[in-house]
Amino acid sequence: FHRRRNHRRCERHQVFHMYGTFKKDEKGRQRDHDDFPWFMLCLFMMILALYGMVVCGSWDVAGRLDTFAIRSKNFMDVMGRAASSVGTSVHAAVQQGSMALTQGPVLLQQEMEMAEKEIRQLTEALGQIEESNSADAMAQYGHAQKVILVQAARVKIISSGLSALEYPEPLKAFMDFLSNVLSVTTPLAELIPQHEVASKSLHASMQCISAIQQEIAKLESAFTWTGNATEELGSGCRCFTGNASLLDNASLVPSYHELVRESAGNLTETNISALSNISVFMNSVYMTKLLQTKLLKDVKAMAPEERTALAEQAEKTRQAAMNLAQAAHSQLAASLDEVSAHLQAVATDLDELLTSLESYSLATGLLMHHLVRDVASFYKQFVMGCLAVACVMAFLAFFYACYLEFVYENEGVARAFETDPKERRGCCWSCVRCIGYIFHFSGFYALMLLQDAVSLMLVIMTLVMGTMSLAQIGVAAGCDNAQILSDNGTCTKELQRLGDFVGGDLLQGRSCQQADMLMCQSMLGDVAVVYRTMCAAVLGTIVSCCIPRRLLVVWMSAQQNIHTAEVLADIDRTKPPARDYSAYSVP
């Protein structure tokens, strides 16, 4: 009877199913029916797939940030070098323009009054030469022609000073650079509020750029206000110099420019501040040398048609001189001194701000270089570390689920029916058994709490990734409107114009691509990758949160099956054996 009872217990152990049920053909089964933890395996594979996408996306973001840090430093270094030079150039241009605006009308009125007088004498001398060929008429003609030549050069100097009050296009390009940098760096400034030094430096640079924009707006407004005056005077100056040039070409030898430069010097290189009164200038060394230089054509050898054309051109020049004198006289009545003082004050403030921006730009570029690279490195290491821990914990949870299904439950049921458990051999089963024993002795709920801690860590990781993704999207949005920071041709062209304005080569003979300063080029990638990475991180966190709950279900199922097996085994022990009366039967 004892051997039959053990045989029945062994059969029950062999056909025992994990959920406390028996197969219909349990008497014919001779093997275990432990179910493989497919659900846990699916969760583990989902975590590997999702976090593989997260790893690729995070690596891409970190690489873009690292490249952005290097290029932003190079760009801020160039902007720092340009800022001080731009301020100096603008201040000098405004000073020259203000002087031309205040002193120019006075000088122009004096010049044109003398020009009108000299042209009248030139016309009279031409008439006398046609009649008598007198030496006095030739001398008067030569003197008048050389005075008109000098006056045209002096009017060009005044016109150049007035043109300095026009809004310089390179300054507009410089402001485009600054505004684009402002739009790009604002998301990063919001990302790093805890980094005190870098945050203060970045915000100080942004405030300085905003102040520069306000001063340039004031400067542009003042330029607009003075535009009518400068345009009227400038138009008159161009009309007079054009007619005077035609008159010079008709009456002077073809090489008169080189002869004047060799004998007296180049008058057009003189600054407007060095221009003296015309009556004083007539007694200067330059004028003395010019009067001694032979520049005139032989009027006697001219055809009558040429002399007629010369007289007509002289009359046009005289009319242009009269118009310019009238325009200068009308501008003398305007209150240009106050406007000039306002322009100089704004230019001085702008020069100081641009000088301070130079130090801000250099410091901010250096800090941004180290800070953004540190942020990129921390982001990459933090995400990779969190994902590694999550994958390891998912792996351990899957192995522990296998331990519960195939080892713990099997041994518990075998112990209940007092039979030997099924022996499982191999490296994998040794690992499963080792991991199961570790967590079995350390406590199942410790594993649950550890899994929950990993889930919480993944939630924090998702928040960090969300912050970085928002920063990248913000920078990309700012770069969408900043073609000058992403297109090599546009950036190189504008910086070359800016270099011509400040009188220096900002790129040192290279393009923006070669100088590695296209800071937006690395941030204009596929933004959909950011969204896919975030979705994968969120789904991975949700799946990781499901692992400890599913593990709890597997553990409770194993406990219930063991308890059910113990109850069935106790019933078998207490049930009286059936007696065999065949030996006592009557033959």
Protein backbone atom coordinates (compact mmCIF):
# COMPACT_ATOMS: atom_id res chain seq x y z
CA PHE A 1 0.00 0.00 0.00
CA HIS A 2 2.81 2.45 0.77
CA ARG A 3 4.35 2.03 -2.69
CA ARG A 4 1.01 2.61 -4.44
CA ARG A 5 0.41 5.78 -2.40
CA ASN A 6 3.82 7.18 -3.42
CA HIS A 7 3.12 6.34 -7.05
CA ARG A 8 -0.12 8.28 -6.94
CA ARG A 9 1.66 11.32 -5.35
CA CYS A 10 4.34 11.22 -8.04
CA GLU A 11 1.70 11.22 -10.74
CA ARG A 12 0.01 14.21 -9.16
CA HIS A 13 3.34 16.07 -8.96
CA GLN A 14 4.15 15.31 -12.58
CA VAL A 15 0.85 16.58 -13.92
CA PHE A 16 0.44 19.58 -11.58
CA HIS A 17 -0.15 22.78 -13.50
CA MET A 18 1.02 26.25 -12.39
CA TYR A 19 -2.45 27.70 -11.76
CA GLY A 20 -3.57 24.87 -9.45
CA THR A 21 -5.44 22.93 -12.16
CA PHE A 22 -4.95 19.48 -13.63
CA LYS A 23 -5.02 18.38 -17.21
CA LYS A 24 -7.85 16.17 -18.37
CA ASP A 25 -5.41 13.36 -19.21
CA GLU A 26 -3.43 13.74 -16.02
CA LYS A 27 -3.07 9.99 -15.52
CA GLY A 28 -1.32 9.64 -18.86
CA ARG A 29 1.08 12.61 -18.49
CA GLN A 30 4.61 11.92 -17.33
CA ARG A 31 6.16 15.43 -17.50
CA ASP A 32 5.91 18.90 -15.89
CA HIS A 33 3.44 21.45 -17.23
CA ASP A 34 5.19 24.63 -15.96
CA ASP A 35 4.35 27.57 -18.24
CA PHE A 36 7.19 29.66 -19.68
CA PRO A 37 6.93 33.36 -18.57
CA TRP A 38 6.20 34.67 -22.04
CA PHE A 39 4.70 37.89 -20.76
CA MET A 40 7.85 38.75 -18.82
CA LEU A 41 9.92 37.90 -21.89
CA CYS A 42 7.76 40.23 -24.01
CA LEU A 43 8.23 43.03 -21.48
CA PHE A 44 11.98 42.45 -21.47
CA MET A 45 12.19 42.49 -25.29
CA MET A 46 10.02 45.63 -25.46
CA ILE A 47 12.34 47.37 -23.02
CA LEU A 48 15.39 46.42 -25.09
CA ALA A 49 13.77 47.67 -28.32
CA LEU A 50 12.45 50.93 -26.85
CA TYR A 51 15.61 51.78 -24.98
CA GLY A 52 17.65 50.98 -28.07
CA MET A 53 15.77 53.81 -29.80
CA VAL A 54 16.35 56.04 -26.77
CA VAL A 55 20.09 55.32 -26.85
CA CYS A 56 20.33 56.29 -30.53
CA GLY A 57 18.29 59.47 -30.02
CA SER A 58 20.17 60.52 -26.89
CA TRP A 59 23.53 59.90 -28.52
CA ASP A 60 22.44 62.06 -31.44
CA VAL A 61 21.28 64.89 -29.13
CA ALA A 62 24.52 64.77 -27.12
CA GLY A 63 26.58 64.89 -30.31
CA ARG A 64 24.64 67.88 -31.63
CA LEU A 65 25.06 69.73 -28.34
CA ASP A 66 28.78 69.01 -28.31
CA THR A 67 29.16 70.37 -31.85
CA PHE A 68 26.99 73.36 -30.95
CA ALA A 69 29.28 74.14 -28.00
CA ILE A 70 32.41 74.20 -30.17
CA ARG A 71 30.85 76.30 -32.91
CA SER A 72 29.19 78.73 -30.52
CA LYS A 73 32.57 79.45 -28.93
CA ASN A 74 34.15 80.10 -32.34
CA PHE A 75 31.24 82.33 -33.33
CA MET A 76 31.28 84.31 -30.08
CA ASP A 77 35.05 84.83 -30.44
CA VAL A 78 34.54 86.37 -33.89
CA MET A 79 31.65 88.50 -32.64
CA GLY A 80 33.75 89.64 -29.69
CA ARG A 81 36.55 90.77 -31.99
CA ALA A 82 34.07 92.51 -34.27
CA ALA A 83 32.06 94.25 -31.53
CA SER A 84 34.72 96.75 -30.47
CA SER A 85 35.69 97.48 -34.08
CA VAL A 86 32.06 98.04 -35.05
CA GLY A 87 31.59 100.47 -32.17
CA THR A 88 34.72 102.42 -33.15
CA SER A 89 33.71 102.55 -36.81
CA VAL A 90 30.15 103.68 -36.05
CA HIS A 91 31.38 106.32 -33.62
CA ALA A 92 33.88 107.68 -36.17
CA ALA A 93 31.25 107.68 -38.93
CA VAL A 94 28.74 109.51 -36.74
CA GLN A 95 31.34 112.09 -35.72
CA GLN A 96 32.25 112.68 -39.35
CA GLY A 97 28.60 112.85 -40.36
CA SER A 98 27.70 115.20 -37.51
CA MET A 99 30.52 117.53 -38.46
CA ALA A 100 29.43 117.43 -42.09
CA LEU A 101 25.85 118.10 -41.00
CA THR A 102 26.76 121.14 -38.88
CA GLN A 103 29.75 122.60 -40.77
CA GLY A 104 28.88 121.33 -44.24
CA PRO A 105 26.10 123.83 -45.07
CA VAL A 106 28.34 126.75 -44.10
CA LEU A 107 31.26 125.46 -46.13
CA LEU A 108 29.03 124.56 -49.06
CA GLN A 109 27.46 128.01 -49.15
CA GLN A 110 30.88 129.66 -49.17
CA GLU A 111 32.19 127.22 -51.76
CA MET A 112 29.25 127.68 -54.11
CA GLU A 113 29.30 131.46 -53.85
CA MET A 114 32.95 131.43 -54.87
CA ALA A 115 32.28 128.76 -57.50
CA GLU A 116 29.54 130.87 -59.06
CA LYS A 117 31.91 133.83 -59.15
CA GLU A 118 34.76 131.80 -60.65
CA ILE A 119 32.51 130.24 -63.31
CA ARG A 120 31.27 133.70 -64.30
CA GLN A 121 34.90 134.83 -64.65
CA LEU A 122 35.68 131.65 -66.62
CA THR A 123 32.85 132.40 -69.05
CA GLU A 124 34.02 136.01 -69.46
CA ALA A 125 37.60 134.85 -70.03
CA LEU A 126 36.43 132.46 -72.75
CA GLY A 127 34.69 135.30 -74.53
CA GLN A 128 37.78 137.52 -74.31
CA ILE A 129 40.00 134.71 -75.61
CA GLU A 130 37.78 134.28 -78.67
CA GLU A 131 37.95 138.02 -79.35
CA SER A 132 41.53 139.07 -78.53
CA ASN A 133 43.59 136.07 -77.29
CA SER A 134 44.94 138.26 -74.48
CA ALA A 135 47.33 136.82 -71.84
CA ASP A 136 45.25 138.23 -68.99
CA ALA A 137 42.18 136.37 -70.25
CA MET A 138 44.17 133.10 -70.43
CA ALA A 139 45.45 133.61 -66.88
CA GLN A 140 41.93 134.36 -65.63
CA TYR A 141 40.60 131.28 -67.42
CA GLY A 142 43.30 128.99 -65.94
CA HIS A 143 42.86 130.35 -62.43
CA ALA A 144 39.07 129.91 -62.52
CA GLN A 145 39.32 126.39 -63.92
CA LYS A 146 41.78 125.24 -61.21
CA VAL A 147 39.66 126.80 -58.46
CA ILE A 148 36.62 124.89 -59.74
CA LEU A 149 38.72 121.69 -59.79
CA VAL A 150 39.66 122.22 -56.13
CA GLN A 151 36.10 123.10 -55.12
CA ALA A 152 34.76 119.91 -56.70
CA ALA A 153 37.27 117.88 -54.61
CA ARG A 154 36.27 119.75 -51.43
CA VAL A 155 32.57 119.20 -52.15
CA LYS A 156 33.29 115.46 -52.53
CA ILE A 157 34.81 115.45 -49.03
CA ILE A 158 31.71 117.14 -47.59
CA SER A 159 29.45 114.74 -49.53
CA SER A 160 31.41 111.79 -48.15
CA GLY A 161 30.87 113.12 -44.63
CA LEU A 162 27.13 113.48 -45.26
CA SER A 163 26.93 109.92 -46.60
CA ALA A 164 28.32 108.70 -43.26
CA LEU A 165 24.93 109.58 -41.75
CA GLU A 166 23.25 106.92 -43.86
CA TYR A 167 22.38 103.74 -41.96
CA PRO A 168 25.32 101.37 -42.66
CA GLU A 169 24.20 98.01 -44.06
CA PRO A 170 27.05 96.08 -42.35
CA LEU A 171 25.72 97.33 -39.02
CA LYS A 172 22.37 95.82 -39.94
CA ALA A 173 24.12 92.51 -40.68
CA PHE A 174 25.88 92.70 -37.32
CA MET A 175 22.54 93.24 -35.60
CA ASP A 176 21.12 90.26 -37.48
CA PHE A 177 23.95 88.18 -36.08
CA LEU A 178 23.24 89.41 -32.56
CA SER A 179 19.46 88.96 -32.76
CA ASN A 180 19.91 85.45 -34.15
CA VAL A 181 22.31 84.57 -31.35
CA LEU A 182 19.74 85.93 -28.90
CA SER A 183 16.98 83.74 -30.32
CA VAL A 184 19.22 80.67 -30.32
CA THR A 185 20.75 81.03 -26.86
CA THR A 186 17.53 81.93 -25.01
CA PRO A 187 16.40 78.26 -24.69
CA LEU A 188 19.82 77.35 -23.35
CA ALA A 189 19.65 80.19 -20.82
CA GLU A 190 16.38 78.76 -19.57
CA LEU A 191 17.91 75.28 -19.44
CA ILE A 192 20.80 76.15 -17.11
CA PRO A 193 19.36 78.38 -14.36
CA GLN A 194 21.27 76.46 -11.69
CA HIS A 195 24.71 77.14 -13.19
CA GLU A 196 25.21 80.53 -11.61
CA VAL A 197 28.31 81.82 -13.41
CA ALA A 198 27.32 80.74 -16.91
CA SER A 199 23.70 81.77 -16.44
CA LYS A 200 24.68 85.26 -15.23
CA SER A 201 27.18 85.69 -18.06
CA LEU A 202 24.66 84.54 -20.66
CA HIS A 203 21.89 86.74 -19.30
CA ALA A 204 24.29 89.70 -19.09
CA SER A 205 25.22 89.19 -22.74
CA MET A 206 21.54 89.00 -23.66
CA GLN A 207 20.81 92.21 -21.75
CA CYS A 208 23.77 93.92 -23.43
CA ILE A 209 22.54 92.80 -26.86
CA SER A 210 19.05 94.11 -26.04
CA ALA A 211 20.53 97.46 -24.97
CA ILE A 212 22.58 97.61 -28.18
CA GLN A 213 19.44 96.95 -30.20
CA GLN A 214 17.70 99.83 -28.43
CA GLU A 215 20.61 102.21 -29.08
CA ILE A 216 20.81 101.20 -32.73
CA ALA A 217 17.05 101.77 -33.01
CA LYS A 218 17.63 105.31 -31.66
CA LEU A 219 20.51 105.77 -34.10
CA GLU A 220 18.38 104.58 -37.01
CA SER A 221 15.59 106.94 -35.96
CA ALA A 222 18.01 109.86 -35.87
CA PHE A 223 19.40 108.86 -39.28
CA THR A 224 15.85 108.80 -40.62
CA TRP A 225 15.18 112.27 -39.22
CA THR A 226 18.33 113.70 -40.81
CA GLY A 227 17.74 111.77 -44.05
CA ASN A 228 15.89 114.62 -45.76
CA ALA A 229 18.63 117.14 -45.03
CA THR A 230 21.47 114.83 -46.03
CA GLU A 231 19.62 113.64 -49.12
CA GLU A 232 18.99 117.20 -50.35
CA LEU A 233 22.57 118.31 -49.72
CA GLY A 234 23.99 115.06 -51.06
CA SER A 235 21.95 115.30 -54.26
CA GLY A 236 23.15 118.89 -54.77
CA CYS A 237 26.75 117.86 -54.15
CA ARG A 238 26.55 115.00 -56.66
CA CYS A 239 24.99 117.28 -59.26
CA PHE A 240 27.71 119.91 -58.83
CA THR A 241 30.63 117.44 -58.80
CA GLY A 242 29.23 115.67 -61.88
CA ASN A 243 28.97 118.89 -63.88
CA ALA A 244 32.35 120.09 -62.60
CA SER A 245 33.92 116.77 -63.68
CA LEU A 246 32.52 117.20 -67.20
CA LEU A 247 33.86 120.74 -67.24
CA ASP A 248 37.30 119.54 -66.14
CA ASN A 249 37.35 116.83 -68.80
CA ALA A 250 36.52 119.41 -71.45
CA SER A 251 39.14 121.99 -70.40
CA LEU A 252 41.99 120.02 -68.79
CA VAL A 253 44.47 117.55 -70.22
CA PRO A 254 43.48 113.85 -70.00
CA SER A 255 46.11 113.02 -67.36
CA TYR A 256 45.25 115.89 -65.04
CA HIS A 257 44.47 113.56 -62.09
CA GLU A 258 47.99 112.11 -62.06
CA LEU A 259 49.57 115.54 -62.56
CA VAL A 260 47.63 117.02 -59.62
CA ARG A 261 48.52 114.06 -57.41
CA GLU A 262 52.22 114.31 -58.26
CA SER A 263 52.54 118.07 -57.88
CA ALA A 264 50.18 118.95 -55.01
CA GLY A 265 48.95 115.69 -53.47
CA ASN A 266 45.61 113.93 -53.09
CA LEU A 267 43.09 116.34 -51.63
CA THR A 268 40.22 113.79 -51.42
CA GLU A 269 42.01 111.90 -48.63
CA THR A 270 41.57 114.90 -46.33
CA ASN A 271 39.06 114.51 -43.50
CA ILE A 272 36.20 116.96 -43.23
CA SER A 273 37.50 118.11 -39.85
CA ALA A 274 40.66 119.36 -41.60
CA LEU A 275 38.76 121.45 -44.15
CA SER A 276 39.33 125.15 -43.65
CA ASN A 277 37.49 128.14 -45.02
CA ILE A 278 37.82 128.48 -48.79
CA SER A 279 39.36 131.92 -48.47
CA VAL A 280 42.01 130.49 -46.14
CA PHE A 281 42.54 127.50 -48.39
CA MET A 282 43.25 129.75 -51.37
CA ASN A 283 46.46 130.83 -49.62
CA SER A 284 47.54 127.28 -48.73
CA VAL A 285 50.60 125.45 -50.07
CA TYR A 286 48.40 122.99 -51.93
CA MET A 287 46.67 125.76 -53.88
CA THR A 288 49.98 127.47 -54.63
CA LYS A 289 51.42 124.25 -56.10
CA LEU A 290 48.25 123.58 -58.04
CA LEU A 291 48.28 127.04 -59.65
CA GLN A 292 51.85 126.44 -60.81
CA THR A 293 50.97 123.11 -62.47
CA LYS A 294 50.22 123.12 -66.21
CA LEU A 295 46.89 121.35 -66.62
CA LEU A 296 44.95 123.34 -69.24
CA LYS A 297 44.28 122.46 -72.83
CA ASP A 298 45.13 125.00 -75.49
CA VAL A 299 41.87 126.93 -75.84
CA LYS A 300 43.10 128.56 -79.03
CA ALA A 301 43.47 125.15 -80.66
CA MET A 302 39.88 124.19 -79.78
CA ALA A 303 37.28 124.14 -82.48
CA PRO A 304 34.41 126.63 -82.17
CA GLU A 305 32.01 123.79 -81.33
CA GLU A 306 34.28 122.66 -78.46
CA ARG A 307 34.46 126.18 -77.05
CA THR A 308 30.68 126.46 -77.30
CA ALA A 309 30.21 123.14 -75.53
CA LEU A 310 32.71 124.28 -72.86
CA ALA A 311 30.74 127.48 -72.29
CA GLU A 312 27.46 125.54 -72.06
CA GLN A 313 28.97 123.09 -69.54
CA ALA A 314 30.28 126.02 -67.49
CA GLU A 315 26.76 127.45 -67.38
CA LYS A 316 25.35 124.09 -66.20
CA THR A 317 28.00 123.94 -63.49
CA ARG A 318 27.15 127.48 -62.40
CA GLN A 319 23.45 126.57 -62.20
CA ALA A 320 24.29 123.48 -60.10
CA ALA A 321 26.41 125.68 -57.80
CA MET A 322 23.49 128.08 -57.36
CA ASN A 323 21.10 125.25 -56.50
CA LEU A 324 23.54 123.76 -53.99
CA ALA A 325 24.12 127.16 -52.38
CA GLN A 326 20.37 127.60 -52.01
CA ALA A 327 19.99 124.11 -50.44
CA ALA A 328 22.85 124.85 -48.02
CA HIS A 329 21.29 128.17 -47.09
CA SER A 330 17.93 126.49 -46.32
CA GLN A 331 19.62 123.88 -44.11
CA LEU A 332 21.36 126.60 -42.08
CA ALA A 333 17.97 127.65 -40.73
CA ALA A 334 17.23 124.14 -39.41
CA SER A 335 18.21 123.14 -35.88
CA LEU A 336 20.87 120.62 -36.90
CA ASP A 337 23.11 121.24 -33.89
CA GLU A 338 20.69 119.49 -31.52
CA VAL A 339 20.37 116.55 -33.87
CA SER A 340 24.14 116.32 -34.18
CA ALA A 341 24.57 116.37 -30.40
CA HIS A 342 21.94 113.62 -30.05
CA LEU A 343 23.68 111.51 -32.69
CA GLN A 344 27.05 111.83 -30.99
CA ALA A 345 25.56 110.93 -27.59
CA VAL A 346 23.88 107.82 -29.02
CA ALA A 347 27.08 106.84 -30.86
CA THR A 348 29.11 107.22 -27.65
CA ASP A 349 26.69 105.02 -25.69
CA LEU A 350 26.68 102.47 -28.51
CA ASP A 351 30.48 102.40 -28.57
CA GLU A 352 30.60 101.74 -24.83
CA LEU A 353 28.01 98.96 -25.08
CA LEU A 354 29.82 97.30 -27.96
CA THR A 355 33.10 97.49 -26.05
CA SER A 356 31.47 95.78 -23.07
CA LEU A 357 29.90 93.25 -25.43
CA GLU A 358 33.40 92.26 -26.53
CA SER A 359 34.30 91.05 -23.04
CA TYR A 360 30.85 89.51 -22.54
CA SER A 361 31.10 87.64 -25.84
CA LEU A 362 34.54 86.21 -25.12
CA ALA A 363 33.56 85.15 -21.59
CA THR A 364 30.19 83.77 -22.67
CA GLY A 365 31.74 81.83 -25.55
CA LEU A 366 34.24 80.20 -23.21
CA LEU A 367 31.61 79.40 -20.58
CA MET A 368 29.14 78.12 -23.15
CA HIS A 369 31.83 75.92 -24.62
CA HIS A 370 32.56 74.21 -21.31
CA LEU A 371 29.01 74.30 -19.99
CA VAL A 372 27.21 72.90 -23.01
CA ARG A 373 29.83 70.21 -23.43
CA ASP A 374 29.48 69.32 -19.76
CA VAL A 375 25.68 69.25 -20.13
CA ALA A 376 25.99 67.03 -23.21
CA SER A 377 28.43 64.71 -21.44
CA PHE A 378 26.26 64.52 -18.30
CA TYR A 379 23.15 63.94 -20.38
CA LYS A 380 24.75 61.13 -22.34
CA GLN A 381 26.26 59.44 -19.27
CA PHE A 382 23.10 59.87 -17.17
CA VAL A 383 20.79 58.46 -19.84
CA MET A 384 23.15 55.59 -20.69
CA GLY A 385 23.56 54.75 -16.99
CA CYS A 386 19.81 54.81 -16.34
CA LEU A 387 19.11 52.66 -19.37
CA ALA A 388 21.83 50.18 -18.42
CA VAL A 389 20.39 49.85 -14.91
CA ALA A 390 16.86 49.47 -16.31
CA CYS A 391 17.92 46.75 -18.77
CA VAL A 392 19.89 44.88 -16.09
CA MET A 393 16.94 45.02 -13.69
CA ALA A 394 14.57 43.84 -16.43
CA PHE A 395 16.99 41.00 -17.15
CA LEU A 396 17.14 40.05 -13.47
CA ALA A 397 13.34 40.23 -13.21
CA PHE A 398 12.94 37.90 -16.19
CA PHE A 399 15.45 35.42 -14.73
CA TYR A 400 13.72 35.58 -11.35
CA ALA A 401 10.39 34.90 -13.04
CA CYS A 402 11.97 31.82 -14.66
CA TYR A 403 13.26 30.82 -11.24
CA LEU A 404 9.78 31.11 -9.74
CA GLU A 405 8.18 29.11 -12.56
CA PHE A 406 10.73 26.36 -13.09
CA VAL A 407 12.70 26.04 -9.84
CA TYR A 408 10.91 27.52 -6.84
CA GLU A 409 7.45 26.22 -7.72
CA ASN A 410 8.80 22.86 -8.92
CA GLU A 411 10.75 22.32 -5.71
CA GLY A 412 7.79 23.44 -3.58
CA VAL A 413 5.39 21.03 -5.29
CA ALA A 414 7.94 18.19 -5.10
CA ARG A 415 8.47 18.90 -1.43
CA ALA A 416 4.70 18.80 -0.86
CA PHE A 417 4.33 15.42 -2.58
CA GLU A 418 7.59 14.15 -1.07
CA THR A 419 9.15 13.43 -4.46
CA ASP A 420 12.32 14.53 -6.18
CA PRO A 421 12.06 17.78 -8.24
CA LYS A 422 12.93 17.68 -11.91
CA GLU A 423 16.61 18.29 -12.35
CA ARG A 424 17.58 21.14 -14.72
CA ARG A 425 21.17 21.45 -15.84
CA GLY A 426 23.17 23.94 -17.88
CA CYS A 427 24.75 27.37 -17.53
CA CYS A 428 21.48 29.24 -18.03
CA TRP A 429 19.71 27.25 -15.35
CA SER A 430 22.68 27.75 -13.03
CA CYS A 431 22.38 31.50 -13.54
CA VAL A 432 18.62 31.36 -13.01
CA ARG A 433 19.05 29.35 -9.82
CA CYS A 434 21.82 31.65 -8.55
CA ILE A 435 19.81 34.83 -9.19
CA GLY A 436 16.72 33.25 -7.66
CA TYR A 437 18.55 32.19 -4.52
CA ILE A 438 20.03 35.67 -4.08
CA PHE A 439 16.68 37.44 -4.21
CA HIS A 440 14.95 34.61 -2.35
CA PHE A 441 17.20 35.05 0.64
CA SER A 442 17.38 38.85 0.42
CA GLY A 443 13.62 39.08 0.18
CA PHE A 444 11.18 39.21 -2.69
CA TYR A 445 9.80 42.58 -1.61
CA ALA A 446 13.32 44.02 -1.65
CA LEU A 447 13.43 43.14 -5.35
CA MET A 448 10.02 44.79 -5.78
CA LEU A 449 11.18 47.97 -4.06
CA LEU A 450 14.35 47.95 -6.15
CA GLN A 451 12.28 47.63 -9.31
CA ASP A 452 10.07 50.51 -8.19
CA ALA A 453 13.16 52.60 -7.46
CA VAL A 454 14.39 51.90 -11.00
CA SER A 455 10.98 52.96 -12.34
CA LEU A 456 11.22 56.20 -10.39
CA MET A 457 14.72 56.74 -11.74
CA LEU A 458 13.38 56.24 -15.27
CA VAL A 459 10.67 58.81 -14.63
CA ILE A 460 13.37 61.30 -13.61
CA MET A 461 15.37 60.34 -16.70
CA THR A 462 12.31 60.97 -18.88
CA LEU A 463 11.88 64.42 -17.33
CA VAL A 464 15.53 65.23 -18.00
CA MET A 465 15.17 64.03 -21.57
CA GLY A 466 12.02 66.13 -21.93
CA THR A 467 13.89 69.22 -20.76
CA MET A 468 16.74 68.59 -23.17
CA SER A 469 14.30 67.89 -25.99
CA LEU A 470 12.45 71.14 -25.32
CA ALA A 471 15.77 73.01 -25.32
CA GLN A 472 16.79 71.40 -28.61
CA ILE A 473 13.40 72.17 -30.18
CA GLY A 474 13.67 75.78 -28.95
CA VAL A 475 17.17 76.15 -30.39
CA ALA A 476 16.03 74.56 -33.66
CA ALA A 477 13.07 76.97 -33.80
CA GLY A 478 15.45 79.90 -33.34
CA CYS A 479 17.76 78.50 -36.00
CA ASP A 480 14.90 78.21 -38.52
CA ASN A 481 14.88 82.01 -38.79
CA ALA A 482 18.66 82.32 -38.59
CA GLN A 483 19.87 81.43 -42.06
CA ILE A 484 22.93 83.56 -41.44
CA LEU A 485 24.02 81.04 -38.75
CA SER A 486 23.45 77.93 -40.87
CA ASP A 487 24.14 78.88 -44.50
CA ASN A 488 27.83 79.08 -45.35
CA GLY A 489 27.44 81.47 -48.31
CA THR A 490 25.25 83.99 -46.47
CA CYS A 491 27.39 83.93 -43.32
CA THR A 492 30.66 84.36 -45.24
CA LYS A 493 29.29 87.19 -47.39
CA GLU A 494 27.90 89.17 -44.43
CA LEU A 495 31.06 88.76 -42.34
CA GLN A 496 33.18 89.91 -45.26
CA ARG A 497 31.02 93.03 -45.59
CA LEU A 498 31.30 93.58 -41.86
CA GLY A 499 35.08 93.18 -42.12
CA ASP A 500 35.20 95.79 -44.87
CA PHE A 501 33.19 98.13 -42.65
CA VAL A 502 35.52 97.78 -39.66
CA GLY A 503 38.65 97.58 -41.78
CA GLY A 504 39.75 94.05 -40.92
CA ASP A 505 39.46 90.41 -42.02
CA LEU A 506 37.26 88.76 -39.40
CA LEU A 507 37.44 85.31 -41.00
CA GLN A 508 41.17 85.50 -41.76
CA GLY A 509 40.70 84.42 -45.36
CA ARG A 510 38.41 81.48 -44.55
CA SER A 511 34.72 80.76 -44.95
CA CYS A 512 32.30 80.28 -42.06
CA GLN A 513 32.32 76.54 -42.78
CA GLN A 514 36.10 76.40 -42.60
CA ALA A 515 36.12 78.52 -39.44
CA ASP A 516 33.64 76.03 -37.89
CA MET A 517 31.25 78.70 -36.67
CA LEU A 518 27.91 77.72 -38.27
CA MET A 519 26.41 77.05 -34.85
CA CYS A 520 22.90 76.31 -36.17
CA GLN A 521 24.02 73.80 -38.78
CA SER A 522 24.20 70.97 -36.24
CA MET A 523 20.82 71.81 -34.66
CA LEU A 524 18.71 71.71 -37.84
CA GLY A 525 18.36 67.94 -37.92
CA ASP A 526 15.20 65.89 -38.11
CA VAL A 527 13.09 67.13 -35.19
CA ALA A 528 10.92 64.02 -35.55
CA VAL A 529 13.83 62.05 -34.06
CA VAL A 530 13.38 64.04 -30.85
CA TYR A 531 9.69 63.17 -30.65
CA ARG A 532 10.34 59.50 -31.41
CA THR A 533 13.01 59.36 -28.74
CA MET A 534 10.70 60.93 -26.18
CA CYS A 535 7.84 58.57 -27.07
CA ALA A 536 10.20 55.60 -26.76
CA ALA A 537 11.41 56.84 -23.36
CA VAL A 538 7.86 57.31 -22.08
CA LEU A 539 6.76 53.87 -23.31
CA GLY A 540 9.89 52.28 -21.88
CA THR A 541 9.18 53.85 -18.50
CA ILE A 542 5.61 52.53 -18.58
CA VAL A 543 6.81 49.03 -19.49
CA SER A 544 9.40 49.18 -16.70
CA CYS A 545 6.65 50.07 -14.26
CA CYS A 546 4.72 46.97 -15.40
CA ILE A 547 7.61 44.61 -14.61
CA PRO A 548 7.33 44.59 -10.78
CA ARG A 549 3.53 44.22 -11.00
CA ARG A 550 3.80 41.27 -13.33
CA LEU A 551 6.56 39.78 -11.17
CA LEU A 552 4.23 40.03 -8.19
CA VAL A 553 1.57 38.12 -10.12
CA VAL A 554 4.06 35.35 -10.97
CA TRP A 555 5.25 35.15 -7.36
CA MET A 556 1.72 34.98 -5.95
CA SER A 557 0.81 32.32 -8.53
CA ALA A 558 3.80 30.23 -7.50
CA GLN A 559 2.90 30.63 -3.82
CA GLN A 560 -0.70 29.65 -4.52
CA ASN A 561 0.31 26.60 -6.53
CA ILE A 562 2.67 25.42 -3.78
CA HIS A 563 -0.03 25.93 -1.18
CA THR A 564 -2.54 24.01 -3.33
CA ALA A 565 -0.05 21.19 -3.78
CA GLU A 566 0.50 21.00 -0.01
CA VAL A 567 -3.27 20.79 0.56
CA LEU A 568 -3.62 18.01 -2.00
CA ALA A 569 -0.65 16.18 -0.52
CA ASP A 570 -2.18 16.42 2.96
CA ILE A 571 -5.43 14.99 1.60
CA ASP A 572 -3.54 12.08 0.11
CA ARG A 573 -1.80 11.46 3.42
CA THR A 574 -4.98 11.49 5.49
CA LYS A 575 -7.08 9.44 3.05
CA PRO A 576 -7.24 5.75 4.19
CA PRO A 577 -5.81 3.29 1.64
CA ALA A 578 -8.21 1.00 -0.18
CA ARG A 579 -8.00 -2.58 1.05
CA ASP A 580 -7.59 -5.59 -1.26
CA TYR A 581 -9.89 -8.53 -0.26
CA SER A 582 -9.07 -10.73 -3.23
CA ALA A 583 -6.93 -13.01 -1.06
CA TYR A 584 -9.97 -13.80 1.11
CA SER A 585 -12.40 -14.53 -1.67
CA VAL A 586 -14.19 -17.90 -1.79
CA PRO A 587 -12.94 -19.96 -4.70
